[in-house]
Amino acid sequence: MPSRDGRLYKHEIKELIEMYKSEIPRLIKLIKTAPICYKNHYCYIGQRAVQKIKSPDNRVKHHWSYDEKYLTDLVFLKPENHKLVHGTMEIDEDKKYYRGIFGDGPLLNTKLKHLRYVISIKKFREEYEANHE
């Protein structure tokens, strides 16, 4: 997983690919088929809470938490990265935070954990694509 400074280094990416080699086909399928917004209660509430917030150019709004106190605290992602992260996370409806789907499904209950996960998944995909083209 990411180092203390939040970066994911090349040797760590290779370790991740090795650890989750058997998961890669499932990951690719999930990424291609995952809906951006699961039609659930939290998605609806989240969209209503941020409808007046403008996104920067070519970015989409992404909730890192559905806890009421963080509903307007957004992360702005490129559309392709938004789809990627939703394909590799699921909402823990009891806790109102996302969980990663790899390993033990870490609870991403802080913005920093969530951003580190997004970065690691993005780098994981880039490294995989670079080595399998």
N, C-alpha and C. Protein backbone atom coordinates (compact mmCIF):
# COMPACT_ATOMS: atom_id res chain seq x y z
N MET A 1 0.84 -1.18 0.00
CA MET A 1 0.00 0.00 0.00
C MET A 1 0.88 1.24 0.00
N PRO A 2 0.29 2.43 -0.10
CA PRO A 2 1.09 3.63 -0.21
C PRO A 2 2.05 3.82 0.95
N SER A 3 3.17 4.45 0.67
CA SER A 3 4.18 4.74 1.68
C SER A 3 3.67 5.81 2.63
N ARG A 4 4.48 6.09 3.63
CA ARG A 4 4.11 7.09 4.64
C ARG A 4 3.73 8.44 4.02
N ASP A 5 4.40 8.82 2.95
CA ASP A 5 4.13 10.11 2.33
C ASP A 5 2.93 10.06 1.38
N GLY A 6 2.26 8.91 1.28
CA GLY A 6 1.07 8.79 0.44
C GLY A 6 1.36 8.41 -0.99
N ARG A 7 2.63 8.34 -1.36
CA ARG A 7 2.99 7.98 -2.74
C ARG A 7 3.07 6.48 -2.89
N LEU A 8 2.83 6.03 -4.07
CA LEU A 8 2.95 4.62 -4.37
C LEU A 8 4.15 4.48 -5.30
N TYR A 9 5.19 3.81 -4.82
CA TYR A 9 6.43 3.69 -5.59
C TYR A 9 6.38 2.45 -6.48
N LYS A 10 7.27 2.45 -7.49
CA LYS A 10 7.26 1.41 -8.51
C LYS A 10 7.30 0.01 -7.90
N HIS A 11 8.17 -0.22 -6.91
CA HIS A 11 8.26 -1.56 -6.31
C HIS A 11 6.96 -1.92 -5.59
N GLU A 12 6.27 -0.93 -5.03
CA GLU A 12 4.99 -1.19 -4.36
C GLU A 12 3.91 -1.54 -5.39
N ILE A 13 3.95 -0.87 -6.52
CA ILE A 13 2.98 -1.17 -7.58
C ILE A 13 3.18 -2.60 -8.07
N LYS A 14 4.44 -2.99 -8.27
CA LYS A 14 4.72 -4.36 -8.71
C LYS A 14 4.26 -5.38 -7.68
N GLU A 15 4.45 -5.06 -6.38
CA GLU A 15 3.97 -5.95 -5.33
C GLU A 15 2.45 -6.08 -5.37
N LEU A 16 1.76 -4.95 -5.58
CA LEU A 16 0.29 -4.98 -5.67
C LEU A 16 -0.17 -5.84 -6.84
N ILE A 17 0.47 -5.66 -7.98
CA ILE A 17 0.09 -6.46 -9.16
C ILE A 17 0.31 -7.94 -8.87
N GLU A 18 1.42 -8.27 -8.23
CA GLU A 18 1.71 -9.67 -7.91
C GLU A 18 0.68 -10.23 -6.91
N MET A 19 0.37 -9.42 -5.89
CA MET A 19 -0.58 -9.86 -4.85
C MET A 19 -1.98 -10.11 -5.41
N TYR A 20 -2.41 -9.24 -6.35
CA TYR A 20 -3.77 -9.28 -6.82
C TYR A 20 -3.89 -9.74 -8.27
N LYS A 21 -2.89 -10.49 -8.73
CA LYS A 21 -2.89 -10.96 -10.12
C LYS A 21 -4.18 -11.69 -10.47
N SER A 22 -4.66 -12.51 -9.55
CA SER A 22 -5.88 -13.27 -9.82
C SER A 22 -7.11 -12.38 -9.85
N GLU A 23 -7.04 -11.19 -9.26
CA GLU A 23 -8.17 -10.27 -9.22
C GLU A 23 -8.27 -9.38 -10.46
N ILE A 24 -7.22 -9.31 -11.26
CA ILE A 24 -7.17 -8.36 -12.37
C ILE A 24 -8.31 -8.54 -13.37
N PRO A 25 -8.64 -9.76 -13.81
CA PRO A 25 -9.78 -9.88 -14.74
C PRO A 25 -11.09 -9.38 -14.13
N ARG A 26 -11.30 -9.64 -12.84
CA ARG A 26 -12.51 -9.16 -12.17
C ARG A 26 -12.50 -7.64 -12.08
N LEU A 27 -11.33 -7.06 -11.79
CA LEU A 27 -11.20 -5.62 -11.71
C LEU A 27 -11.53 -4.97 -13.05
N ILE A 28 -10.99 -5.51 -14.12
CA ILE A 28 -11.23 -4.95 -15.45
C ILE A 28 -12.72 -5.03 -15.79
N LYS A 29 -13.35 -6.15 -15.46
CA LYS A 29 -14.79 -6.29 -15.72
C LYS A 29 -15.59 -5.28 -14.89
N LEU A 30 -15.21 -5.10 -13.62
CA LEU A 30 -15.90 -4.15 -12.77
C LEU A 30 -15.76 -2.73 -13.29
N ILE A 31 -14.57 -2.37 -13.73
CA ILE A 31 -14.33 -1.03 -14.22
C ILE A 31 -15.19 -0.75 -15.45
N LYS A 32 -15.32 -1.74 -16.32
CA LYS A 32 -16.09 -1.54 -17.55
C LYS A 32 -17.59 -1.49 -17.31
N THR A 33 -18.05 -2.13 -16.24
CA THR A 33 -19.50 -2.23 -16.04
C THR A 33 -20.03 -1.44 -14.85
N ALA A 34 -19.16 -0.86 -14.03
CA ALA A 34 -19.63 -0.19 -12.82
C ALA A 34 -20.41 1.08 -13.13
N PRO A 35 -21.57 1.22 -12.52
CA PRO A 35 -22.29 2.48 -12.67
C PRO A 35 -21.57 3.56 -11.87
N ILE A 36 -21.57 4.80 -12.34
CA ILE A 36 -20.91 5.87 -11.59
C ILE A 36 -21.65 6.10 -10.28
N CYS A 37 -22.93 6.10 -10.32
CA CYS A 37 -23.71 6.35 -9.11
C CYS A 37 -24.63 5.17 -8.87
N TYR A 38 -24.41 4.47 -7.79
CA TYR A 38 -25.32 3.40 -7.44
C TYR A 38 -26.63 4.06 -7.04
N LYS A 39 -27.72 3.59 -7.57
CA LYS A 39 -29.00 4.22 -7.30
C LYS A 39 -29.45 3.85 -5.89
N ASN A 40 -28.86 4.52 -4.93
CA ASN A 40 -29.22 4.25 -3.55
C ASN A 40 -29.53 5.56 -2.83
N HIS A 41 -29.93 5.44 -1.62
CA HIS A 41 -30.32 6.57 -0.79
C HIS A 41 -29.18 7.58 -0.65
N TYR A 42 -27.96 7.11 -0.41
CA TYR A 42 -26.83 8.02 -0.19
C TYR A 42 -26.48 8.79 -1.45
N CYS A 43 -26.54 8.13 -2.58
CA CYS A 43 -26.23 8.80 -3.84
C CYS A 43 -27.20 9.96 -4.06
N TYR A 44 -28.46 9.72 -3.83
CA TYR A 44 -29.48 10.76 -4.02
C TYR A 44 -29.24 11.94 -3.08
N ILE A 45 -29.02 11.65 -1.80
CA ILE A 45 -28.76 12.71 -0.82
C ILE A 45 -27.50 13.48 -1.19
N GLY A 46 -26.46 12.75 -1.59
CA GLY A 46 -25.19 13.39 -1.96
C GLY A 46 -25.34 14.31 -3.15
N GLN A 47 -26.06 13.88 -4.16
CA GLN A 47 -26.26 14.71 -5.35
C GLN A 47 -27.05 15.97 -5.02
N ARG A 48 -28.07 15.83 -4.19
CA ARG A 48 -28.87 17.00 -3.80
C ARG A 48 -28.05 18.01 -3.01
N ALA A 49 -27.16 17.52 -2.16
CA ALA A 49 -26.37 18.40 -1.31
C ALA A 49 -25.37 19.25 -2.09
N VAL A 50 -24.92 18.76 -3.24
CA VAL A 50 -23.85 19.45 -3.97
C VAL A 50 -24.28 19.97 -5.34
N GLN A 51 -25.57 19.99 -5.61
CA GLN A 51 -26.01 20.36 -6.96
C GLN A 51 -25.60 21.78 -7.35
N LYS A 52 -25.40 22.69 -6.39
CA LYS A 52 -25.03 24.06 -6.73
C LYS A 52 -23.51 24.27 -6.77
N ILE A 53 -22.75 23.28 -6.40
CA ILE A 53 -21.29 23.39 -6.44
C ILE A 53 -20.82 23.14 -7.87
N LYS A 54 -20.04 24.06 -8.38
CA LYS A 54 -19.52 23.94 -9.75
C LYS A 54 -18.26 23.07 -9.76
N SER A 55 -18.14 22.24 -10.77
CA SER A 55 -16.94 21.42 -10.96
C SER A 55 -15.93 22.19 -11.80
N PRO A 56 -14.63 22.02 -11.49
CA PRO A 56 -13.62 22.59 -12.38
C PRO A 56 -13.74 21.95 -13.77
N ASP A 57 -13.14 22.58 -14.77
CA ASP A 57 -13.21 22.06 -16.14
C ASP A 57 -12.82 20.59 -16.22
N ASN A 58 -13.61 19.84 -16.95
CA ASN A 58 -13.35 18.42 -17.24
C ASN A 58 -13.22 17.57 -15.98
N ARG A 59 -13.86 17.93 -14.93
CA ARG A 59 -13.83 17.14 -13.68
C ARG A 59 -15.26 16.83 -13.26
N VAL A 60 -15.39 15.75 -12.51
CA VAL A 60 -16.70 15.39 -11.96
C VAL A 60 -16.61 15.38 -10.44
N LYS A 61 -17.74 15.59 -9.82
CA LYS A 61 -17.81 15.61 -8.36
C LYS A 61 -17.79 14.18 -7.83
N HIS A 62 -17.01 13.99 -6.79
CA HIS A 62 -16.93 12.67 -6.17
C HIS A 62 -16.98 12.83 -4.66
N HIS A 63 -17.94 12.15 -4.03
CA HIS A 63 -18.02 12.15 -2.57
C HIS A 63 -17.04 11.13 -2.01
N TRP A 64 -16.24 11.53 -1.06
CA TRP A 64 -15.36 10.55 -0.41
C TRP A 64 -16.07 9.95 0.80
N SER A 65 -17.16 10.59 1.24
CA SER A 65 -17.93 10.12 2.38
C SER A 65 -19.38 10.55 2.21
N TYR A 66 -20.29 9.74 2.75
CA TYR A 66 -21.70 10.12 2.77
C TYR A 66 -22.15 10.45 4.19
N ASP A 67 -21.21 10.64 5.09
CA ASP A 67 -21.52 11.14 6.43
C ASP A 67 -22.04 12.57 6.26
N GLU A 68 -23.10 12.90 6.97
CA GLU A 68 -23.75 14.21 6.79
C GLU A 68 -22.78 15.37 6.94
N LYS A 69 -21.82 15.27 7.85
CA LYS A 69 -20.91 16.40 8.06
C LYS A 69 -19.90 16.59 6.93
N TYR A 70 -19.78 15.59 6.03
CA TYR A 70 -18.84 15.70 4.91
C TYR A 70 -19.51 15.72 3.54
N LEU A 71 -20.81 15.86 3.50
CA LEU A 71 -21.53 15.76 2.23
C LEU A 71 -21.10 16.78 1.19
N THR A 72 -20.66 17.95 1.61
CA THR A 72 -20.24 18.96 0.64
C THR A 72 -18.73 19.01 0.48
N ASP A 73 -18.01 18.11 1.13
CA ASP A 73 -16.55 18.03 0.99
C ASP A 73 -16.26 17.05 -0.15
N LEU A 74 -15.97 17.59 -1.31
CA LEU A 74 -15.85 16.78 -2.52
C LEU A 74 -14.41 16.63 -2.98
N VAL A 75 -14.21 15.63 -3.81
CA VAL A 75 -12.98 15.44 -4.56
C VAL A 75 -13.38 15.58 -6.02
N PHE A 76 -12.60 16.29 -6.81
CA PHE A 76 -12.91 16.46 -8.23
C PHE A 76 -11.98 15.57 -9.04
N LEU A 77 -12.58 14.67 -9.82
CA LEU A 77 -11.81 13.68 -10.58
C LEU A 77 -12.10 13.79 -12.07
N LYS A 78 -11.16 13.30 -12.86
CA LYS A 78 -11.42 13.15 -14.29
C LYS A 78 -12.47 12.05 -14.43
N PRO A 79 -13.35 12.15 -15.43
CA PRO A 79 -14.41 11.14 -15.57
C PRO A 79 -13.90 9.70 -15.62
N GLU A 80 -12.79 9.45 -16.34
CA GLU A 80 -12.29 8.08 -16.43
C GLU A 80 -11.77 7.58 -15.07
N ASN A 81 -11.21 8.47 -14.26
CA ASN A 81 -10.75 8.06 -12.93
C ASN A 81 -11.93 7.86 -11.98
N HIS A 82 -12.98 8.64 -12.18
CA HIS A 82 -14.18 8.48 -11.36
C HIS A 82 -14.78 7.10 -11.58
N LYS A 83 -14.89 6.70 -12.82
CA LYS A 83 -15.42 5.37 -13.13
C LYS A 83 -14.50 4.28 -12.57
N LEU A 84 -13.21 4.49 -12.69
CA LEU A 84 -12.23 3.52 -12.18
C LEU A 84 -12.39 3.32 -10.68
N VAL A 85 -12.45 4.40 -9.91
CA VAL A 85 -12.53 4.23 -8.46
C VAL A 85 -13.86 3.64 -8.03
N HIS A 86 -14.94 3.99 -8.73
CA HIS A 86 -16.22 3.38 -8.36
C HIS A 86 -16.25 1.89 -8.71
N GLY A 87 -15.43 1.48 -9.64
CA GLY A 87 -15.34 0.06 -9.97
C GLY A 87 -14.52 -0.73 -8.96
N THR A 88 -13.83 -0.02 -8.06
CA THR A 88 -12.95 -0.71 -7.11
C THR A 88 -13.31 -0.39 -5.66
N MET A 89 -14.46 0.20 -5.45
CA MET A 89 -14.92 0.52 -4.09
C MET A 89 -16.39 0.16 -3.97
N GLU A 90 -16.80 -0.02 -2.74
CA GLU A 90 -18.23 -0.17 -2.48
C GLU A 90 -18.56 0.59 -1.21
N ILE A 91 -19.79 1.06 -1.12
CA ILE A 91 -20.19 1.86 0.03
C ILE A 91 -20.51 0.94 1.20
N ASP A 92 -19.99 1.28 2.36
CA ASP A 92 -20.36 0.60 3.60
C ASP A 92 -21.56 1.38 4.13
N GLU A 93 -22.75 0.88 3.91
CA GLU A 93 -23.96 1.64 4.20
C GLU A 93 -24.15 1.92 5.68
N ASP A 94 -23.61 1.08 6.54
CA ASP A 94 -23.72 1.34 7.98
C ASP A 94 -22.84 2.50 8.41
N LYS A 95 -21.65 2.56 7.87
CA LYS A 95 -20.68 3.58 8.28
C LYS A 95 -20.70 4.83 7.39
N LYS A 96 -21.30 4.73 6.20
CA LYS A 96 -21.41 5.83 5.24
C LYS A 96 -20.06 6.24 4.63
N TYR A 97 -19.13 5.32 4.60
CA TYR A 97 -17.84 5.52 3.95
C TYR A 97 -17.65 4.41 2.92
N TYR A 98 -16.72 4.65 2.00
CA TYR A 98 -16.39 3.62 1.03
C TYR A 98 -15.42 2.62 1.62
N ARG A 99 -15.41 1.43 1.02
CA ARG A 99 -14.43 0.40 1.31
C ARG A 99 -13.77 0.02 0.00
N GLY A 100 -12.46 -0.21 0.04
CA GLY A 100 -11.79 -0.76 -1.12
C GLY A 100 -12.19 -2.22 -1.25
N ILE A 101 -12.21 -2.75 -2.46
CA ILE A 101 -12.64 -4.14 -2.64
C ILE A 101 -11.48 -5.11 -2.60
N PHE A 102 -10.24 -4.62 -2.55
CA PHE A 102 -9.09 -5.52 -2.52
C PHE A 102 -8.71 -5.91 -1.10
N GLY A 103 -8.09 -7.06 -0.98
CA GLY A 103 -7.58 -7.50 0.32
C GLY A 103 -8.70 -7.60 1.32
N ASP A 104 -8.53 -6.95 2.46
CA ASP A 104 -9.53 -7.02 3.53
C ASP A 104 -10.57 -5.91 3.41
N GLY A 105 -10.58 -5.23 2.29
CA GLY A 105 -11.57 -4.16 2.09
C GLY A 105 -11.41 -3.04 3.09
N PRO A 106 -10.30 -2.30 3.01
CA PRO A 106 -10.06 -1.26 4.01
C PRO A 106 -11.15 -0.19 3.99
N LEU A 107 -11.55 0.25 5.18
CA LEU A 107 -12.53 1.32 5.31
C LEU A 107 -11.82 2.64 5.05
N LEU A 108 -12.32 3.39 4.09
CA LEU A 108 -11.69 4.67 3.70
C LEU A 108 -12.41 5.80 4.44
N ASN A 109 -12.17 5.86 5.75
CA ASN A 109 -12.95 6.75 6.61
C ASN A 109 -12.33 8.12 6.86
N THR A 110 -11.29 8.46 6.13
CA THR A 110 -10.77 9.83 6.15
C THR A 110 -10.54 10.24 4.69
N LYS A 111 -10.51 11.52 4.47
CA LYS A 111 -10.29 12.01 3.12
C LYS A 111 -8.90 11.59 2.63
N LEU A 112 -7.91 11.62 3.52
CA LEU A 112 -6.55 11.23 3.15
C LEU A 112 -6.49 9.76 2.74
N LYS A 113 -7.11 8.87 3.50
CA LYS A 113 -7.15 7.44 3.13
C LYS A 113 -7.83 7.26 1.77
N HIS A 114 -8.91 7.99 1.58
CA HIS A 114 -9.66 7.88 0.33
C HIS A 114 -8.80 8.33 -0.85
N LEU A 115 -8.14 9.48 -0.70
CA LEU A 115 -7.30 9.99 -1.79
C LEU A 115 -6.12 9.06 -2.06
N ARG A 116 -5.52 8.51 -1.01
CA ARG A 116 -4.42 7.56 -1.22
C ARG A 116 -4.90 6.33 -1.98
N TYR A 117 -6.08 5.87 -1.65
CA TYR A 117 -6.65 4.72 -2.36
C TYR A 117 -6.88 5.05 -3.83
N VAL A 118 -7.47 6.22 -4.11
CA VAL A 118 -7.72 6.65 -5.49
C VAL A 118 -6.40 6.70 -6.26
N ILE A 119 -5.37 7.29 -5.67
CA ILE A 119 -4.06 7.40 -6.33
C ILE A 119 -3.48 6.01 -6.58
N SER A 120 -3.57 5.13 -5.58
CA SER A 120 -2.97 3.79 -5.74
C SER A 120 -3.70 2.99 -6.82
N ILE A 121 -5.01 3.09 -6.90
CA ILE A 121 -5.77 2.38 -7.94
C ILE A 121 -5.42 2.93 -9.32
N LYS A 122 -5.31 4.25 -9.43
CA LYS A 122 -4.95 4.87 -10.71
C LYS A 122 -3.55 4.41 -11.14
N LYS A 123 -2.61 4.41 -10.23
CA LYS A 123 -1.23 3.99 -10.57
C LYS A 123 -1.19 2.49 -10.87
N PHE A 124 -1.98 1.72 -10.15
CA PHE A 124 -2.06 0.28 -10.39
C PHE A 124 -2.52 0.04 -11.83
N ARG A 125 -3.56 0.76 -12.25
CA ARG A 125 -4.07 0.60 -13.63
C ARG A 125 -3.01 1.02 -14.66
N GLU A 126 -2.35 2.15 -14.43
CA GLU A 126 -1.34 2.63 -15.36
C GLU A 126 -0.20 1.62 -15.50
N GLU A 127 0.27 1.09 -14.37
CA GLU A 127 1.37 0.13 -14.39
C GLU A 127 0.94 -1.15 -15.10
N TYR A 128 -0.27 -1.61 -14.81
CA TYR A 128 -0.78 -2.83 -15.45
C TYR A 128 -0.87 -2.64 -16.96
N GLU A 129 -1.45 -1.50 -17.38
CA GLU A 129 -1.60 -1.25 -18.81
C GLU A 129 -0.23 -1.12 -19.50
N ALA A 130 0.74 -0.51 -18.83
CA ALA A 130 2.08 -0.35 -19.40
C ALA A 130 2.77 -1.70 -19.62
N ASN A 131 2.48 -2.66 -18.75
CA ASN A 131 3.13 -3.97 -18.81
C ASN A 131 2.35 -5.01 -19.60
N HIS A 132 1.12 -4.69 -20.02
CA HIS A 132 0.28 -5.69 -20.69
C HIS A 132 -0.32 -5.16 -21.99
N GLU A 133 0.41 -4.36 -22.70
CA GLU A 133 -0.11 -3.86 -23.99
C GLU A 133 0.41 -4.65 -25.13
